[in-house]
C-alpha atoms as a PDB file:
ATOM      1  CA  MET A   1     -33.532 -66.020  53.679  1.00  0.00           C
ATOM      2  CA  ASN A   2     -30.018 -66.211  52.317  1.00  0.00           C
ATOM      3  CA  PHE A   3     -26.918 -64.919  53.955  1.00  0.00           C
ATOM      4  CA  GLN A   4     -27.041 -61.559  51.192  1.00  0.00           C
ATOM      5  CA  LEU A   5     -30.701 -60.687  52.549  1.00  0.00           C
ATOM      6  CA  ARG A   6     -29.890 -61.291  56.166  1.00  0.00           C
ATOM      7  CA  GLN A   7     -26.912 -59.266  56.253  1.00  0.00           C
ATOM      8  CA  HIS A   8     -28.849 -56.342  54.497  1.00  0.00           C
ATOM      9  CA  HIS A   9     -31.364 -56.668  57.739  1.00  0.00           C
ATOM     10  CA  LEU A  10     -28.336 -56.838  60.238  1.00  0.00           C
ATOM     11  CA  LEU A  11     -26.414 -53.962  58.942  1.00  0.00           C
ATOM     12  CA  ALA A  12     -29.802 -51.590  58.603  1.00  0.00           C
ATOM     13  CA  ALA A  13     -30.342 -52.713  61.859  1.00  0.00           C
ATOM     14  CA  LEU A  14     -27.374 -51.560  63.435  1.00  0.00           C
ATOM     15  CA  GLU A  15     -27.466 -48.326  61.379  1.00  0.00           C
ATOM     16  CA  GLN A  16     -30.613 -47.515  63.026  1.00  0.00           C
ATOM     17  CA  HIS A  17     -29.593 -48.490  66.664  1.00  0.00           C
ATOM     18  CA  GLY A  18     -26.077 -48.997  66.755  1.00  0.00           C
ATOM     19  CA  SER A  19     -26.062 -52.352  68.429  1.00  0.00           C
ATOM     20  CA  LEU A  20     -27.816 -55.618  68.105  1.00  0.00           C
ATOM     21  CA  GLU A  21     -28.871 -58.822  69.979  1.00  0.00           C
ATOM     22  CA  VAL A  22     -28.457 -62.032  68.595  1.00  0.00           C
ATOM     23  CA  ALA A  23     -31.656 -63.603  70.062  1.00  0.00           C
ATOM     24  CA  ASP A  24     -33.737 -60.322  69.064  1.00  0.00           C
ATOM     25  CA  MET A  25     -32.386 -60.918  65.446  1.00  0.00           C
ATOM     26  CA  ALA A  26     -32.865 -64.443  65.090  1.00  0.00           C
ATOM     27  CA  GLN A  27     -36.500 -64.106  66.293  1.00  0.00           C
ATOM     28  CA  GLN A  28     -36.943 -61.370  63.632  1.00  0.00           C
ATOM     29  CA  LEU A  29     -35.280 -62.904  60.918  1.00  0.00           C
ATOM     30  CA  GLN A  30     -37.060 -66.088  61.875  1.00  0.00           C
ATOM     31  CA  THR A  31     -33.525 -68.009  61.851  1.00  0.00           C
ATOM     32  CA  THR A  32     -31.421 -69.880  64.189  1.00  0.00           C
ATOM     33  CA  PRO A  33     -28.995 -67.936  66.831  1.00  0.00           C
ATOM     34  CA  ILE A  34     -26.643 -70.015  65.218  1.00  0.00           C
ATOM     35  CA  THR A  35     -27.215 -68.639  62.034  1.00  0.00           C
ATOM     36  CA  ILE A  36     -27.133 -65.287  63.159  1.00  0.00           C
ATOM     37  CA  ARG A  37     -23.642 -65.819  65.124  1.00  0.00           C
ATOM     38  CA  ARG A  38     -22.121 -67.523  61.999  1.00  0.00           C
ATOM     39  CA  ASP A  39     -23.481 -64.222  59.644  1.00  0.00           C
ATOM     40  CA  LEU A  40     -21.863 -61.778  62.108  1.00  0.00           C
ATOM     41  CA  ALA A  41     -18.500 -63.506  62.475  1.00  0.00           C
ATOM     42  CA  GLN A  42     -18.598 -63.400  58.273  1.00  0.00           C
ATOM     43  CA  LEU A  43     -19.346 -59.536  58.703  1.00  0.00           C
ATOM     44  CA  ALA A  44     -16.833 -58.900  61.544  1.00  0.00           C
ATOM     45  CA  ALA A  45     -14.036 -60.540  59.111  1.00  0.00           C
ATOM     46  CA  GLN A  46     -14.705 -58.000  56.667  1.00  0.00           C
ATOM     47  CA  GLY A  47     -14.642 -55.164  59.343  1.00  0.00           C
ATOM     48  CA  LEU A  48     -18.229 -54.462  58.648  1.00  0.00           C
ATOM     49  CA  VAL A  49     -19.219 -54.985  62.591  1.00  0.00           C
ATOM     50  CA  LEU A  50     -17.494 -55.530  66.012  1.00  0.00           C
ATOM     51  CA  ARG A  51     -18.708 -58.652  67.979  1.00  0.00           C
ATOM     52  CA  THR A  52     -19.783 -58.109  71.442  1.00  0.00           C
ATOM     53  CA  HIS A  53     -20.984 -60.614  74.306  1.00  0.00           C
ATOM     54  CA  GLY A  54     -24.510 -61.764  72.702  1.00  0.00           C
ATOM     55  CA  GLY A  55     -24.352 -59.480  69.797  1.00  0.00           C
ATOM     56  CA  ALA A  56     -22.610 -56.621  67.683  1.00  0.00           C
ATOM     57  CA  VAL A  57     -21.568 -53.181  67.360  1.00  0.00           C
ATOM     58  CA  LEU A  58     -20.926 -51.189  64.100  1.00  0.00           C
ATOM     59  CA  PRO A  59     -17.089 -50.226  64.121  1.00  0.00           C
ATOM     60  CA  ARG A  60     -15.612 -46.996  64.954  1.00  0.00           C
ATOM     61  CA  PRO A  61     -16.629 -44.449  62.082  1.00  0.00           C
ATOM     62  CA  ASP A  62     -12.482 -43.949  61.647  1.00  0.00           C
ATOM     63  CA  ARG A  63     -12.113 -47.430  61.053  1.00  0.00           C
ATOM     64  CA  ALA A  64     -15.019 -48.499  59.100  1.00  0.00           C
ATOM     65  CA  PRO A  65     -14.148 -49.659  55.399  1.00  0.00           C
ATOM     66  CA  VAL A  66     -16.028 -48.524  52.211  1.00  0.00           C
ATOM     67  CA  ALA A  67     -17.696 -51.645  51.538  1.00  0.00           C
ATOM     68  CA  PHE A  68     -20.421 -53.115  49.424  1.00  0.00           C
ATOM     69  CA  ALA A  69     -22.460 -54.552  52.125  1.00  0.00           C
ATOM     70  CA  ARG A  70     -22.846 -51.088  53.975  1.00  0.00           C
ATOM     71  CA  LYS A  71     -23.451 -49.229  51.081  1.00  0.00           C
ATOM     72  CA  ALA A  72     -26.273 -51.651  50.158  1.00  0.00           C
ATOM     73  CA  THR A  73     -28.004 -50.325  53.582  1.00  0.00           C
ATOM     74  CA  ALA A  74     -28.374 -47.137  52.259  1.00  0.00           C
ATOM     75  CA  GLN A  75     -31.660 -45.540  50.669  1.00  0.00           C
ATOM     76  CA  GLN A  76     -32.723 -49.303  50.338  1.00  0.00           C
ATOM     77  CA  THR A  77     -36.407 -48.394  49.961  1.00  0.00           C
ATOM     78  CA  GLN A  78     -35.716 -46.261  46.881  1.00  0.00           C
ATOM     79  CA  LYS A  79     -33.393 -48.817  45.640  1.00  0.00           C
ATOM     80  CA  GLU A  80     -36.037 -51.605  45.578  1.00  0.00           C
ATOM     81  CA  HIS A  81     -38.499 -49.183  44.150  1.00  0.00           C
ATOM     82  CA  ILE A  82     -35.858 -48.260  41.255  1.00  0.00           C
ATOM     83  CA  CYS A  83     -35.359 -51.995  40.679  1.00  0.00           C
ATOM     84  CA  ARG A  84     -39.025 -53.315  40.439  1.00  0.00           C
ATOM     85  CA  ALA A  85     -39.382 -50.729  37.564  1.00  0.00           C
ATOM     86  CA  ALA A  86     -35.881 -52.044  36.057  1.00  0.00           C
ATOM     87  CA  ALA A  87     -37.345 -55.451  36.164  1.00  0.00           C
ATOM     88  CA  SER A  88     -40.364 -54.528  34.085  1.00  0.00           C
ATOM     89  CA  GLN A  89     -37.842 -53.420  31.362  1.00  0.00           C
ATOM     90  CA  ILE A  90     -36.287 -57.212  30.977  1.00  0.00           C
ATOM     91  CA  ALA A  91     -37.885 -59.258  28.453  1.00  0.00           C
ATOM     92  CA  ASP A  92     -37.489 -63.031  28.500  1.00  0.00           C
ATOM     93  CA  GLY A  93     -34.685 -64.376  26.370  1.00  0.00           C
ATOM     94  CA  ASP A  94     -32.867 -60.857  27.031  1.00  0.00           C
ATOM     95  CA  THR A  95     -28.904 -60.699  27.777  1.00  0.00           C
ATOM     96  CA  ILE A  96     -28.329 -57.958  30.067  1.00  0.00           C
ATOM     97  CA  PHE A  97     -25.213 -56.579  32.351  1.00  0.00           C
ATOM     98  CA  ILE A  98     -25.554 -56.088  35.913  1.00  0.00           C
ATOM     99  CA  ASP A  99     -22.979 -53.790  37.454  1.00  0.00           C
ATOM    100  CA  CYS A 100     -21.335 -54.394  41.095  1.00  0.00           C
ATOM    101  CA  GLY A 101     -23.062 -51.364  42.873  1.00  0.00           C
ATOM    102  CA  SER A 102     -25.596 -51.511  45.637  1.00  0.00           C
ATOM    103  CA  THR A 103     -28.418 -49.488  43.541  1.00  0.00           C
ATOM    104  CA  THR A 104     -28.384 -52.824  40.859  1.00  0.00           C
ATOM    105  CA  PHE A 105     -28.208 -55.537  43.021  1.00  0.00           C
ATOM    106  CA  PRO A 106     -31.943 -55.615  44.441  1.00  0.00           C
ATOM    107  CA  LEU A 107     -32.818 -56.386  40.643  1.00  0.00           C
ATOM    108  CA  CYS A 108     -31.447 -59.811  41.337  1.00  0.00           C
ATOM    109  CA  PRO A 109     -34.354 -61.499  43.389  1.00  0.00           C
ATOM    110  CA  LEU A 110     -36.741 -60.077  40.655  1.00  0.00           C
ATOM    111  CA  ILE A 111     -35.501 -62.021  37.757  1.00  0.00           C
ATOM    112  CA  ARG A 112     -34.299 -64.955  39.519  1.00  0.00           C
ATOM    113  CA  HIS A 113     -37.264 -67.046  37.884  1.00  0.00           C
ATOM    114  CA  ARG A 114     -36.395 -65.314  34.336  1.00  0.00           C
ATOM    115  CA  ARG A 115     -35.226 -67.023  31.198  1.00  0.00           C
ATOM    116  CA  VAL A 116     -32.129 -64.415  30.726  1.00  0.00           C
ATOM    117  CA  ARG A 117     -28.642 -64.318  30.517  1.00  0.00           C
ATOM    118  CA  VAL A 118     -26.650 -61.966  33.326  1.00  0.00           C
ATOM    119  CA  VAL A 119     -23.370 -60.861  32.368  1.00  0.00           C
ATOM    120  CA  THR A 120     -21.874 -59.240  35.552  1.00  0.00           C
ATOM    121  CA  ASN A 121     -18.607 -58.233  37.422  1.00  0.00           C
ATOM    122  CA  SER A 122     -20.191 -58.670  40.833  1.00  0.00           C
ATOM    123  CA  LEU A 123     -19.536 -61.604  43.113  1.00  0.00           C
ATOM    124  CA  PRO A 124     -23.021 -60.651  45.444  1.00  0.00           C
ATOM    125  CA  VAL A 125     -24.985 -61.046  42.226  1.00  0.00           C
ATOM    126  CA  VAL A 126     -23.448 -64.112  40.973  1.00  0.00           C
ATOM    127  CA  PHE A 127     -23.968 -65.621  44.452  1.00  0.00           C
ATOM    128  CA  GLU A 128     -27.403 -64.092  44.494  1.00  0.00           C
ATOM    129  CA  LEU A 129     -28.413 -66.094  40.886  1.00  0.00           C
ATOM    130  CA  LEU A 130     -26.499 -69.094  41.470  1.00  0.00           C
ATOM    131  CA  ASP A 131     -29.299 -72.192  41.418  1.00  0.00           C
ATOM    132  CA  SER A 132     -31.726 -69.820  39.466  1.00  0.00           C
ATOM    133  CA  ALA A 133     -33.233 -69.746  35.789  1.00  0.00           C
ATOM    134  CA  VAL A 134     -30.599 -67.182  34.794  1.00  0.00           C
ATOM    135  CA  GLN A 135     -27.697 -68.252  32.841  1.00  0.00           C
ATOM    136  CA  LEU A 136     -24.733 -66.375  34.344  1.00  0.00           C
ATOM    137  CA  ILE A 137     -21.297 -64.991  33.237  1.00  0.00           C
ATOM    138  CA  LEU A 138     -18.911 -63.463  35.219  1.00  0.00           C
ATOM    139  CA  ALA A 139     -16.109 -61.284  33.848  1.00  0.00           C
ATOM    140  CA  GLY A 140     -13.028 -61.999  35.484  1.00  0.00           C
ATOM    141  CA  GLY A 141     -10.216 -60.139  37.017  1.00  0.00           C
ATOM    142  CA  GLU A 142      -8.645 -58.516  39.927  1.00  0.00           C
ATOM    143  CA  ILE A 143     -10.793 -58.642  42.762  1.00  0.00           C
ATOM    144  CA  ASP A 144     -11.736 -55.617  44.830  1.00  0.00           C
ATOM    145  CA  ALA A 145     -12.825 -56.951  48.373  1.00  0.00           C
ATOM    146  CA  ALA A 146     -14.546 -53.791  49.405  1.00  0.00           C
ATOM    147  CA  ARG A 147     -16.716 -53.863  46.608  1.00  0.00           C
ATOM    148  CA  GLN A 148     -16.835 -57.731  46.231  1.00  0.00           C
ATOM    149  CA  ALA A 149     -16.222 -57.608  42.168  1.00  0.00           C
ATOM    150  CA  ALA A 150     -13.579 -57.984  39.481  1.00  0.00           C
ATOM    151  CA  HIS A 151     -12.109 -54.929  37.959  1.00  0.00           C
ATOM    152  CA  GLY A 152      -9.208 -53.554  36.309  1.00  0.00           C
ATOM    153  CA  LEU A 153      -7.885 -53.994  32.328  1.00  0.00           C
ATOM    154  CA  VAL A 154      -8.410 -57.611  31.950  1.00  0.00           C
ATOM    155  CA  THR A 155     -12.362 -57.447  33.493  1.00  0.00           C
ATOM    156  CA  ALA A 156     -12.670 -54.340  31.049  1.00  0.00           C
ATOM    157  CA  GLU A 157     -11.629 -56.459  28.080  1.00  0.00           C
ATOM    158  CA  HIS A 158     -13.779 -59.292  28.972  1.00  0.00           C
ATOM    159  CA  LEU A 159     -16.910 -57.203  29.116  1.00  0.00           C
ATOM    160  CA  ARG A 160     -16.176 -55.310  25.889  1.00  0.00           C
ATOM    161  CA  ARG A 161     -16.395 -58.990  24.193  1.00  0.00           C
ATOM    162  CA  TYR A 162     -19.907 -59.485  24.811  1.00  0.00           C
ATOM    163  CA  GLN A 163     -23.014 -57.891  23.332  1.00  0.00           C
ATOM    164  CA  VAL A 164     -25.750 -57.271  25.664  1.00  0.00           C
ATOM    165  CA  ASP A 165     -29.401 -56.042  24.928  1.00  0.00           C
ATOM    166  CA  LYS A 166     -29.493 -53.657  28.365  1.00  0.00           C
ATOM    167  CA  ALA A 167     -26.743 -52.965  30.710  1.00  0.00           C
ATOM    168  CA  PHE A 168     -28.159 -51.883  34.112  1.00  0.00           C
ATOM    169  CA  ILE A 169     -25.506 -49.795  35.933  1.00  0.00           C
ATOM    170  CA  GLY A 170     -25.316 -47.530  38.811  1.00  0.00           C
ATOM    171  CA  VAL A 171     -23.199 -44.169  39.304  1.00  0.00           C
ATOM    172  CA  ASP A 172     -22.099 -42.140  42.215  1.00  0.00           C
ATOM    173  CA  GLY A 173     -23.314 -38.979  40.917  1.00  0.00           C
ATOM    174  CA  PHE A 174     -25.091 -37.810  37.452  1.00  0.00           C
ATOM    175  CA  SER A 175     -25.768 -34.367  36.135  1.00  0.00           C
ATOM    176  CA  LEU A 176     -26.818 -32.621  32.971  1.00  0.00           C
ATOM    177  CA  ALA A 177     -23.392 -30.229  33.311  1.00  0.00           C
ATOM    178  CA  ARG A 178     -20.901 -33.362  33.834  1.00  0.00           C
ATOM    179  CA  GLY A 179     -22.755 -36.347  33.136  1.00  0.00           C
ATOM    180  CA  LEU A 180     -21.594 -39.453  35.007  1.00  0.00           C
ATOM    181  CA  THR A 181     -19.103 -39.100  37.783  1.00  0.00           C
ATOM    182  CA  ALA A 182     -17.568 -41.616  40.186  1.00  0.00           C
ATOM    183  CA  ASN A 183     -15.579 -42.032  42.930  1.00  0.00           C
ATOM    184  CA  SER A 184     -12.706 -43.780  41.236  1.00  0.00           C
ATOM    185  CA  GLU A 185     -11.514 -44.483  37.675  1.00  0.00           C
ATOM    186  CA  HIS A 186     -11.540 -48.334  38.482  1.00  0.00           C
ATOM    187  CA  GLU A 187     -15.362 -48.345  38.738  1.00  0.00           C
ATOM    188  CA  ALA A 188     -15.604 -45.835  35.762  1.00  0.00           C
ATOM    189  CA  ALA A 189     -13.666 -48.191  33.599  1.00  0.00           C
ATOM    190  CA  ILE A 190     -15.916 -50.915  34.047  1.00  0.00           C
ATOM    191  CA  THR A 191     -19.126 -48.910  33.456  1.00  0.00           C
ATOM    192  CA  LEU A 192     -17.693 -47.677  30.088  1.00  0.00           C
ATOM    193  CA  ALA A 193     -16.675 -51.059  28.817  1.00  0.00           C
ATOM    194  CA  ALA A 194     -20.317 -52.530  29.881  1.00  0.00           C
ATOM    195  CA  ALA A 195     -21.922 -49.561  28.154  1.00  0.00           C
ATOM    196  CA  SER A 196     -19.797 -49.819  24.847  1.00  0.00           C
ATOM    197  CA  ALA A 197     -21.253 -53.479  24.635  1.00  0.00           C
ATOM    198  CA  ALA A 198     -24.870 -52.683  25.243  1.00  0.00           C
ATOM    199  CA  ARG A 199     -27.809 -51.565  22.926  1.00  0.00           C
ATOM    200  CA  HIS A 200     -29.354 -49.881  25.660  1.00  0.00           C
ATOM    201  CA  VAL A 201     -28.032 -48.510  28.481  1.00  0.00           C
ATOM    202  CA  VAL A 202     -30.025 -47.975  31.490  1.00  0.00           C
ATOM    203  CA  LEU A 203     -28.989 -45.632  34.695  1.00  0.00           C
ATOM    204  CA  LEU A 204     -30.382 -46.747  37.966  1.00  0.00           C
ATOM    205  CA  CYS A 205     -29.965 -43.720  40.352  1.00  0.00           C
ATOM    206  CA  ASP A 206     -31.709 -42.966  43.431  1.00  0.00           C
ATOM    207  CA  ALA A 207     -32.704 -39.116  43.858  1.00  0.00           C
ATOM    208  CA  SER A 208     -29.895 -38.269  46.126  1.00  0.00           C
ATOM    209  CA  LYS A 209     -27.201 -38.752  43.271  1.00  0.00           C
ATOM    210  CA  LEU A 210     -28.923 -36.548  40.848  1.00  0.00           C
ATOM    211  CA  GLU A 211     -27.380 -33.077  40.001  1.00  0.00           C
ATOM    212  CA  GLN A 212     -24.595 -34.429  42.120  1.00  0.00           C
ATOM    213  CA  ASP A 213     -20.912 -34.422  40.699  1.00  0.00           C
ATOM    214  CA  LYS A 214     -18.394 -36.338  42.191  1.00  0.00           C
ATOM    215  CA  PHE A 215     -14.453 -36.614  41.847  1.00  0.00           C
ATOM    216  CA  PHE A 216     -13.891 -38.426  38.505  1.00  0.00           C
ATOM    217  CA  GLN A 217     -16.141 -37.251  35.434  1.00  0.00           C
ATOM    218  CA  PHE A 218     -16.012 -39.956  32.843  1.00  0.00           C
ATOM    219  CA  ALA A 219     -18.868 -39.948  30.334  1.00  0.00           C
ATOM    220  CA  PRO A 220     -21.462 -37.423  29.113  1.00  0.00           C
ATOM    221  CA  PRO A 221     -25.321 -37.953  29.788  1.00  0.00           C
ATOM    222  CA  THR A 222     -25.788 -38.740  26.169  1.00  0.00           C
ATOM    223  CA  LEU A 223     -24.028 -42.632  27.323  1.00  0.00           C
ATOM    224  CA  VAL A 224     -27.473 -42.892  29.309  1.00  0.00           C
ATOM    225  CA  ASN A 225     -30.561 -43.934  27.147  1.00  0.00           C
ATOM    226  CA  THR A 226     -32.945 -44.532  29.820  1.00  0.00           C
ATOM    227  CA  LEU A 227     -32.738 -43.308  34.006  1.00  0.00           C
ATOM    228  CA  ILE A 228     -34.714 -44.837  36.580  1.00  0.00           C
ATOM    229  CA  THR A 229     -34.981 -43.197  39.742  1.00  0.00           C
ATOM    230  CA  ASP A 230     -37.586 -42.953  42.846  1.00  0.00           C
ATOM    231  CA  PRO A 231     -40.580 -40.663  43.136  1.00  0.00           C
ATOM    232  CA  SER A 232     -38.656 -38.178  45.447  1.00  0.00           C
ATOM    233  CA  ALA A 233     -36.683 -37.117  42.421  1.00  0.00           C
ATOM    234  CA  PRO A 234     -37.674 -33.100  41.823  1.00  0.00           C
ATOM    235  CA  ALA A 235     -40.022 -33.020  39.018  1.00  0.00           C
ATOM    236  CA  GLU A 236     -38.172 -29.695  37.388  1.00  0.00           C
ATOM    237  CA  VAL A 237     -34.980 -31.803  37.389  1.00  0.00           C
ATOM    238  CA  LEU A 238     -36.415 -34.805  35.566  1.00  0.00           C
ATOM    239  CA  ASP A 239     -38.120 -32.407  33.168  1.00  0.00           C
ATOM    240  CA  ARG A 240     -35.085 -31.146  32.114  1.00  0.00           C
ATOM    241  CA  TYR A 241     -33.530 -34.496  31.803  1.00  0.00           C
ATOM    242  CA  ARG A 242     -36.456 -35.412  29.452  1.00  0.00           C
ATOM    243  CA  GLU A 243     -36.001 -32.185  27.442  1.00  0.00           C
ATOM    244  CA  ALA A 244     -32.088 -33.090  27.230  1.00  0.00           C
ATOM    245  CA  GLY A 245     -33.537 -36.273  25.441  1.00  0.00           C
ATOM    246  CA  LEU A 246     -33.328 -38.791  28.261  1.00  0.00           C
ATOM    247  CA  THR A 247     -35.977 -41.470  28.850  1.00  0.00           C
ATOM    248  CA  VAL A 248     -36.877 -41.171  32.517  1.00  0.00           C
ATOM    249  CA  LEU A 249     -38.958 -43.587  34.618  1.00  0.00           C
ATOM    250  CA  THR A 250     -39.800 -43.063  38.292  1.00  0.00           C
END
């Protein structure tokens, strides 16, 4: 099990229990206490946990940063379900874009063995797919430490230079009324750049984000060709999406 997967388990345990012990987690994850201590040291350096004697606790809520690793633990079962459906849409030889969102990240272990080309701005995606069958292209630019991704004008311009078969994107909110919405303009600019270079745009979105409008509206719902969500999404909402011409998979 690599660091990305271990940190998901560690942060999930902390979210559930509020604290953890090194010895217990080493046994659960079938690794050594030294490895768990090293993982916790890295998470502590990012401000995601506070070290204690023999373990770790979550930071105080008012000090906890918004970070990729914390977001990755939310709705984890739903995200894995969504990504299994997304993986079935990828054909050998495809060039695909995977964004830096936590919903798209579980797609990585499902395609490690595939002969595909992946364009991304996400450092976790790159680390997960290194030494795999996948050909990797990282869009460069300024690094957002919290999201562990490149962003900004240079990154967006870099992405627009490529032609991809399918762009797998996440979003903070999606509704028929306002389309795609984000918590920041940085995320929106990257999504638009990737979508403009894609023949087919696939939105991976768990049910909690459907018919939710966030701070910044940046694209109509017609930007998306296919929506993949989880089985808990209300049937009447999905029916409205299909009536509007959107392909919906659960």
